[in-house]
Amino acid sequence: MTTQDIYEQLMMHLSSMGMMCPPREDLLIILKSNLTEEEVKVVLAIPSRTIPFQGISINQISKSIEIPMERLKEILENLTNRGLLFSYRDKNTGEINYALQQSAFGFPQVFFWKGEDSPHSRKMAKQVLKYYNTEVTKESYSTEPIPFRFIPVDETIELDTQAILPYQVMKEIIKKAKVVAVAHCICRQSMKLIGRECEHPMEVCMKFNDLARYIIDNGFAREVSVEEALEISRKASEAGLVHFTDNAIDNVQQNCNCCGCSCWNLGRIRRRLIPRDEIIATYFIRETLNDKCVGCGNCIEICPADAVNLENDIAVIDNNWCIGCGVCISKCPNDAIKIVLREDLKNKMPEKDFQILHEKILKSRN
């Protein structure tokens, strides 16, 4: 097998995951820049038809590859330390299990979580941006069900709605997490590395539970208390950032705080490159209380989705693009804005838990 063949084989292996990496020449360049041929052989021995964070032991891997056990252990540990494989200790066997890094759950985040500025991270920033064009983004994340959702700013959701739907409240998601980590926003960090930095806060990307434990243990992020996580979330909202999380009720793994300048999802929605409902589940929408609106335009300036316009001195919402984030409410001097559940999605809700969500996504790829 030639060098080209083995990297192409790996590319196709990664394209069969639920959170897939679509095969492209630009992906081959990323793989060749980060993995030796020997490492590729090891990665190929790890199953791809699993949900994120579901791995196998070194003994299972060794059955599919002719590498001495000590050398195999060395390679697996090295790949894990570099963030190119996910690892965890199995609760039942006590063994370390290894899993592929799936798109949005380690790839390409690992290059940017630390906030490092190095020749390699700059190279990866350029290559990842080139790879994740609009077509690849849609292919990766336009699944059924949709893997992620937007959540409104906590204070903008009416109290009765918060009581009935606590899973739609960011502070409740944070409080339920067993472990919390905070890392650099990979979108803003990668943009910074190519000279397109925006002014929004950087260290606001939170991970929970399995993903948090992994990135803390391997030095990609720092552990924070629930109290600090709640403060990070509050400051992100004040900065006009949008809460983004897994489209699941239980065992949520991450919360990004996105901007329309740099982020892979909101940026493309703002620029009208991908329809909102194709890549992010959006359960809420904004309403303007016309009798209170004074047409000041404050909400137009802050809207991260560029979904508000003035018509006859009244703020009018583009319902096809509004993401119901609620960041506009803090800028309204007249309490003329409400965030409400979308009428067309009132009977729809996130999947019960992270595992069910990704089992359905994996099945849909068939």
Protein backbone atom coordinates (compact mmCIF):
# COMPACT_ATOMS: atom_id res chain seq x y z
CA MET A 1 0.00 0.00 0.00
CA THR A 2 1.40 3.40 -0.96
CA THR A 3 1.60 6.38 1.37
CA GLN A 4 -1.20 8.09 -0.57
CA ASP A 5 -3.38 5.00 -0.32
CA ILE A 6 -3.14 4.70 3.45
CA TYR A 7 -4.04 8.36 4.03
CA GLU A 8 -6.95 8.09 1.61
CA GLN A 9 -8.08 4.99 3.48
CA LEU A 10 -8.02 6.97 6.72
CA MET A 11 -9.95 9.81 5.09
CA MET A 12 -12.71 7.41 4.05
CA HIS A 13 -12.66 5.86 7.53
CA LEU A 14 -13.31 9.28 9.07
CA SER A 15 -16.06 10.01 6.55
CA SER A 16 -18.10 7.06 7.88
CA MET A 17 -18.48 8.53 11.39
CA GLY A 18 -21.75 10.02 12.57
CA MET A 19 -20.04 13.39 13.05
CA MET A 20 -18.16 12.87 9.84
CA CYS A 21 -15.24 14.50 8.11
CA PRO A 22 -16.26 14.70 4.43
CA PRO A 23 -13.51 13.41 2.11
CA ARG A 24 -11.63 16.21 0.38
CA GLU A 25 -8.08 16.85 -0.78
CA ASP A 26 -7.79 19.54 1.90
CA LEU A 27 -8.54 16.93 4.59
CA LEU A 28 -5.70 14.76 3.24
CA ILE A 29 -3.33 17.67 3.74
CA ILE A 30 -4.44 18.02 7.38
CA LEU A 31 -4.04 14.30 8.02
CA LYS A 32 -0.56 14.19 6.46
CA SER A 33 0.48 17.22 8.50
CA ASN A 34 -0.42 15.55 11.79
CA LEU A 35 -0.03 11.77 11.48
CA THR A 36 2.81 9.46 10.51
CA GLU A 37 2.09 6.34 8.44
CA GLU A 38 2.51 4.21 11.55
CA GLU A 39 0.03 6.36 13.45
CA VAL A 40 -2.43 6.14 10.56
CA LYS A 41 -2.34 2.34 10.78
CA VAL A 42 -3.21 2.55 14.47
CA VAL A 43 -6.05 5.03 13.92
CA LEU A 44 -7.48 2.78 11.21
CA ALA A 45 -7.77 -0.02 13.78
CA ILE A 46 -10.25 2.05 15.84
CA PRO A 47 -13.95 1.75 14.83
CA SER A 48 -15.61 4.70 13.12
CA ARG A 49 -19.22 3.55 13.35
CA THR A 50 -19.67 4.65 16.95
CA ILE A 51 -21.07 7.70 18.70
CA PRO A 52 -18.59 10.30 20.04
CA PHE A 53 -16.56 9.18 23.08
CA GLN A 54 -17.35 5.48 22.61
CA GLY A 55 -14.06 3.62 22.27
CA ILE A 56 -12.26 0.29 22.56
CA SER A 57 -9.32 -0.99 24.61
CA ILE A 58 -5.72 -1.46 23.53
CA ASN A 59 -6.26 -5.22 23.59
CA GLN A 60 -9.09 -4.90 21.08
CA ILE A 61 -7.01 -2.56 18.91
CA SER A 62 -4.04 -4.94 18.95
CA LYS A 63 -6.13 -7.70 17.32
CA SER A 64 -6.42 -5.58 14.16
CA ILE A 65 -2.80 -4.46 13.83
CA GLU A 66 0.64 -6.08 13.87
CA ILE A 67 2.50 -3.74 16.20
CA PRO A 68 4.18 -4.89 19.45
CA MET A 69 2.03 -4.06 22.47
CA GLU A 70 4.56 -1.71 24.07
CA ARG A 71 4.96 0.25 20.85
CA LEU A 72 1.18 0.34 20.35
CA LYS A 73 0.71 1.69 23.88
CA GLU A 74 3.33 4.38 23.22
CA ILE A 75 1.60 5.47 19.99
CA LEU A 76 -1.86 5.56 21.54
CA GLU A 77 -0.68 7.63 24.50
CA ASN A 78 1.15 10.02 22.20
CA LEU A 79 -1.89 10.49 19.95
CA THR A 80 -4.06 11.10 23.01
CA ASN A 81 -1.64 13.64 24.48
CA ARG A 82 -1.64 15.51 21.17
CA GLY A 83 -5.43 15.47 21.07
CA LEU A 84 -5.67 13.29 17.98
CA LEU A 85 -7.51 10.50 19.81
CA PHE A 86 -10.08 10.64 22.59
CA SER A 87 -9.42 8.44 25.62
CA TYR A 88 -11.19 7.60 28.88
CA ARG A 89 -11.13 4.98 31.61
CA ASP A 90 -13.90 2.40 31.22
CA LYS A 91 -16.05 2.36 34.37
CA ASN A 92 -16.63 -1.39 34.18
CA THR A 93 -13.21 -2.77 33.21
CA GLY A 94 -10.93 -0.01 34.46
CA GLU A 95 -9.09 -0.10 31.12
CA ILE A 96 -8.21 2.94 29.04
CA ASN A 97 -10.39 3.04 25.94
CA TYR A 98 -9.63 4.99 22.77
CA ALA A 99 -12.00 6.59 20.26
CA LEU A 100 -11.69 8.66 17.09
CA GLN A 101 -12.01 12.41 17.38
CA GLN A 102 -15.29 13.21 15.64
CA SER A 103 -16.07 16.47 13.90
CA ALA A 104 -16.94 19.22 16.43
CA PHE A 105 -15.92 17.00 19.36
CA GLY A 106 -12.14 17.17 19.00
CA PHE A 107 -11.50 17.68 15.32
CA PRO A 108 -10.42 20.32 14.42
CA GLN A 109 -10.86 21.90 17.86
CA VAL A 110 -7.69 20.33 19.25
CA PHE A 111 -5.48 22.69 17.25
CA PHE A 112 -6.99 25.78 18.91
CA TRP A 113 -8.37 24.93 22.39
CA LYS A 114 -5.17 25.99 24.17
CA GLY A 115 -5.04 29.38 22.48
CA GLU A 116 -1.47 28.73 21.30
CA ASP A 117 0.20 30.74 18.57
CA SER A 118 2.74 28.44 16.92
CA PRO A 119 3.83 27.74 13.35
CA HIS A 120 1.78 24.53 13.37
CA SER A 121 -1.37 26.14 14.79
CA ARG A 122 -1.12 28.93 12.20
CA LYS A 123 -0.72 26.36 9.44
CA MET A 124 -3.73 24.41 10.73
CA ALA A 125 -5.83 27.58 11.01
CA LYS A 126 -5.36 28.27 7.30
CA GLN A 127 -5.89 24.65 6.28
CA VAL A 128 -8.93 24.05 8.48
CA LEU A 129 -10.61 27.22 7.22
CA LYS A 130 -9.94 26.10 3.67
CA TYR A 131 -11.31 22.61 4.35
CA TYR A 132 -14.45 23.64 6.25
CA ASN A 133 -15.98 25.62 3.42
CA THR A 134 -19.77 26.04 3.20
CA GLU A 135 -20.25 22.78 1.33
CA VAL A 136 -18.24 20.72 3.83
CA THR A 137 -19.96 22.44 6.77
CA LYS A 138 -23.40 21.51 5.44
CA GLU A 139 -22.29 17.95 4.74
CA SER A 140 -20.88 17.61 8.26
CA TYR A 141 -23.71 19.13 10.30
CA SER A 142 -26.93 19.04 8.26
CA THR A 143 -28.11 15.81 9.85
CA GLU A 144 -31.39 14.43 11.16
CA PRO A 145 -31.65 15.14 13.99
CA ILE A 146 -29.56 18.33 13.96
CA PRO A 147 -26.65 17.91 16.40
CA PHE A 148 -26.66 21.39 17.97
CA ARG A 149 -29.08 24.09 19.13
CA PHE A 150 -29.12 27.75 20.11
CA ILE A 151 -30.29 28.68 23.62
CA PRO A 152 -31.57 32.16 24.54
CA VAL A 153 -29.94 34.28 27.21
CA ASP A 154 -31.38 32.99 30.51
CA GLU A 155 -32.95 36.25 31.61
CA THR A 156 -34.87 36.58 28.34
CA ILE A 157 -36.90 33.39 28.84
CA GLU A 158 -40.09 33.90 30.82
CA LEU A 159 -40.09 32.25 34.26
CA ASP A 160 -42.96 29.89 33.50
CA THR A 161 -41.13 28.68 30.39
CA GLN A 162 -37.94 28.19 32.41
CA ALA A 163 -39.87 26.09 34.91
CA ILE A 164 -41.44 23.89 32.22
CA LEU A 165 -38.35 23.67 29.98
CA PRO A 166 -35.26 23.83 32.25
CA TYR A 167 -33.17 22.15 29.53
CA GLN A 168 -33.57 25.35 27.49
CA VAL A 169 -31.88 27.40 30.23
CA MET A 170 -28.07 27.65 30.11
CA LYS A 171 -27.58 28.00 33.85
CA GLU A 172 -29.50 24.76 34.44
CA ILE A 173 -27.33 22.89 31.92
CA ILE A 174 -24.21 24.17 33.67
CA LYS A 175 -25.53 23.20 37.11
CA LYS A 176 -26.20 19.63 35.94
CA ALA A 177 -22.65 19.10 34.67
CA LYS A 178 -20.41 16.79 36.70
CA VAL A 179 -17.22 18.44 35.40
CA VAL A 180 -16.77 21.80 33.63
CA ALA A 181 -13.81 22.97 31.55
CA VAL A 182 -13.24 26.24 29.76
CA ALA A 183 -11.14 26.49 26.61
CA HIS A 184 -10.48 29.09 23.92
CA CYS A 185 -13.14 29.58 21.26
CA ILE A 186 -11.69 27.63 18.36
CA CYS A 187 -13.39 29.82 15.76
CA ARG A 188 -12.10 33.12 17.11
CA GLN A 189 -8.69 31.64 17.89
CA SER A 190 -8.26 30.28 14.37
CA MET A 191 -9.36 33.61 12.90
CA LYS A 192 -6.86 35.40 15.14
CA LEU A 193 -4.08 33.15 13.83
CA ILE A 194 -4.80 34.21 10.24
CA GLY A 195 -5.07 37.91 11.10
CA ARG A 196 -8.87 38.21 11.20
CA GLU A 197 -9.38 38.64 14.94
CA CYS A 198 -12.65 40.08 16.26
CA GLU A 199 -13.12 41.84 19.60
CA HIS A 200 -15.28 39.23 21.35
CA PRO A 201 -14.07 37.30 24.43
CA MET A 202 -11.87 34.29 23.67
CA GLU A 203 -11.84 31.95 26.68
CA VAL A 204 -15.58 31.21 26.76
CA CYS A 205 -15.84 27.74 25.20
CA MET A 206 -17.16 25.40 27.90
CA LYS A 207 -17.09 21.61 27.89
CA PHE A 208 -18.89 19.28 30.25
CA ASN A 209 -18.69 15.73 31.56
CA ASP A 210 -16.73 13.26 29.35
CA LEU A 211 -15.33 15.89 27.00
CA ALA A 212 -14.42 18.20 29.88
CA ARG A 213 -12.55 15.46 31.73
CA TYR A 214 -10.55 14.59 28.62
CA ILE A 215 -9.45 18.11 27.72
CA ILE A 216 -8.59 18.94 31.33
CA ASP A 217 -6.51 15.78 31.80
CA ASN A 218 -4.63 16.39 28.57
CA GLY A 219 -3.94 20.08 29.14
CA PHE A 220 -6.19 21.58 26.48
CA ALA A 221 -8.38 23.50 28.93
CA ARG A 222 -8.68 24.40 32.58
CA GLU A 223 -11.21 23.08 35.06
CA VAL A 224 -13.65 25.61 36.52
CA SER A 225 -16.27 25.50 39.24
CA VAL A 226 -19.98 25.75 38.50
CA GLU A 227 -19.89 29.28 39.93
CA GLU A 228 -17.10 30.36 37.58
CA ALA A 229 -18.86 28.70 34.65
CA LEU A 230 -22.04 30.64 35.42
CA GLU A 231 -20.02 33.86 35.50
CA ILE A 232 -18.37 33.02 32.16
CA SER A 233 -21.83 32.41 30.69
CA ARG A 234 -23.12 35.72 32.08
CA LYS A 235 -20.20 37.69 30.66
CA ALA A 236 -20.58 35.97 27.30
CA SER A 237 -24.20 37.10 27.17
CA GLU A 238 -23.22 40.66 28.09
CA ALA A 239 -20.72 40.62 25.21
CA GLY A 240 -23.50 39.75 22.76
CA LEU A 241 -22.43 36.13 22.29
CA VAL A 242 -24.94 33.39 21.54
CA HIS A 243 -25.27 30.20 23.58
CA PHE A 244 -24.81 27.08 21.46
CA THR A 245 -25.00 23.53 22.83
CA ASP A 246 -25.81 19.91 22.03
CA ASN A 247 -29.34 19.24 20.84
CA ALA A 248 -29.97 16.94 23.81
CA ILE A 249 -31.56 17.29 27.23
CA ASP A 250 -29.24 15.14 29.37
CA ASN A 251 -25.46 14.63 29.40
CA VAL A 252 -24.78 17.74 27.33
CA GLN A 253 -21.08 17.85 26.43
CA GLN A 254 -20.44 21.41 25.36
CA ASN A 255 -21.48 25.04 25.29
CA CYS A 256 -19.86 27.39 22.81
CA ASN A 257 -20.59 31.12 22.92
CA CYS A 258 -20.73 32.22 19.32
CA CYS A 259 -20.41 35.47 17.38
CA GLY A 260 -21.51 36.42 13.89
CA CYS A 261 -17.97 37.56 13.05
CA SER A 262 -15.99 34.34 13.29
CA CYS A 263 -18.05 31.30 14.25
CA TRP A 264 -18.64 28.44 11.81
CA ASN A 265 -22.39 28.34 12.43
CA LEU A 266 -23.57 31.84 13.26
CA GLY A 267 -21.16 33.47 10.84
CA ARG A 268 -22.61 31.52 7.94
CA ILE A 269 -26.17 32.23 9.06
CA ARG A 270 -25.38 35.94 9.31
CA ARG A 271 -23.90 35.93 5.81
CA ARG A 272 -26.89 33.90 4.51
CA LEU A 273 -24.67 31.09 3.29
CA ILE A 274 -26.59 28.27 5.01
CA PRO A 275 -30.25 28.45 6.08
CA ARG A 276 -30.57 28.61 9.87
CA ASP A 277 -32.65 25.46 10.26
CA GLU A 278 -30.26 23.32 8.22
CA ILE A 279 -27.40 23.38 10.71
CA ILE A 280 -28.71 24.57 14.11
CA ALA A 281 -31.93 23.69 15.91
CA THR A 282 -33.60 27.00 16.85
CA TYR A 283 -36.55 26.56 19.20
CA PHE A 284 -37.13 30.23 20.07
CA ILE A 285 -37.76 33.41 18.12
CA ARG A 286 -38.09 37.11 18.88
CA GLU A 287 -41.26 39.15 18.86
CA THR A 288 -41.42 42.94 18.80
CA LEU A 289 -44.09 44.63 20.92
CA ASN A 290 -45.03 47.28 18.39
CA ASP A 291 -46.82 49.54 20.86
CA LYS A 292 -43.62 49.85 22.92
CA CYS A 293 -41.02 49.98 20.12
CA VAL A 294 -39.60 53.50 19.57
CA GLY A 295 -37.49 52.57 16.56
CA CYS A 296 -34.17 53.40 18.22
CA GLY A 297 -32.29 50.77 16.18
CA ASN A 298 -30.23 49.44 19.12
CA CYS A 299 -31.36 45.87 18.43
CA ILE A 300 -30.33 46.14 14.79
CA GLU A 301 -26.76 46.94 15.72
CA ILE A 302 -26.34 44.09 18.18
CA CYS A 303 -28.26 41.35 16.32
CA PRO A 304 -25.66 38.62 15.63
CA ALA A 305 -27.77 37.14 12.84
CA ASP A 306 -28.47 40.48 11.13
CA ALA A 307 -32.18 39.62 11.29
CA VAL A 308 -33.73 42.96 12.33
CA ASN A 309 -34.72 45.94 10.18
CA LEU A 310 -36.65 49.16 10.74
CA GLU A 311 -39.92 49.59 8.86
CA ASN A 312 -41.97 52.69 9.60
CA ASP A 313 -39.91 53.21 12.77
CA ILE A 314 -40.73 49.73 14.09
CA ALA A 315 -38.19 46.91 14.49
CA VAL A 316 -39.27 44.09 12.17
CA ILE A 317 -37.89 40.56 12.50
CA ASP A 318 -36.91 38.29 9.64
CA ASN A 319 -38.41 35.07 10.99
CA ASN A 320 -36.41 32.95 8.57
CA TRP A 321 -33.12 34.09 10.08
CA CYS A 322 -33.79 35.17 13.68
CA ILE A 323 -32.16 32.69 16.07
CA GLY A 324 -34.10 33.72 19.19
CA CYS A 325 -30.89 34.33 21.15
CA GLY A 326 -32.20 37.26 23.19
CA VAL A 327 -29.00 39.32 23.13
CA CYS A 328 -31.02 42.25 21.78
CA ILE A 329 -33.15 42.55 24.91
CA SER A 330 -30.42 44.15 27.00
CA LYS A 331 -30.16 46.97 24.44
CA CYS A 332 -33.87 47.76 24.28
CA PRO A 333 -34.74 50.87 26.33
CA ASN A 334 -38.50 50.25 26.24
CA ASP A 335 -38.94 46.52 27.02
CA ALA A 336 -40.33 46.10 23.52
CA ILE A 337 -38.87 42.64 22.88
CA LYS A 338 -40.03 39.15 23.85
CA ILE A 339 -38.36 35.79 23.23
CA VAL A 340 -40.97 33.08 22.66
CA LEU A 341 -41.14 29.48 21.52
CA ARG A 342 -41.55 29.10 17.78
CA GLU A 343 -45.13 28.17 16.91
CA ASP A 344 -43.98 25.72 14.22
CA LEU A 345 -41.74 23.87 16.71
CA LYS A 346 -43.90 23.85 19.85
CA ASN A 347 -44.22 20.07 19.73
CA LYS A 348 -40.57 19.48 18.94
CA MET A 349 -37.86 19.14 21.57
CA PRO A 350 -34.22 18.09 21.86
CA GLU A 351 -33.39 14.39 22.04
CA LYS A 352 -33.60 12.78 25.48
CA ASP A 353 -29.84 12.51 25.94
CA PHE A 354 -26.51 12.81 24.13
CA GLN A 355 -26.27 9.10 23.37
CA ILE A 356 -29.72 8.88 21.78
CA LEU A 357 -29.02 12.02 19.75
CA HIS A 358 -25.85 10.58 18.26
CA GLU A 359 -27.21 7.09 17.76
CA LYS A 360 -29.91 8.67 15.59
CA ILE A 361 -27.37 10.79 13.69
CA LEU A 362 -25.18 7.73 13.08
CA LYS A 363 -28.18 5.76 11.86
CA SER A 364 -29.22 8.60 9.54
CA ARG A 365 -25.80 8.47 7.84
CA ASN A 366 -26.67 5.02 6.50
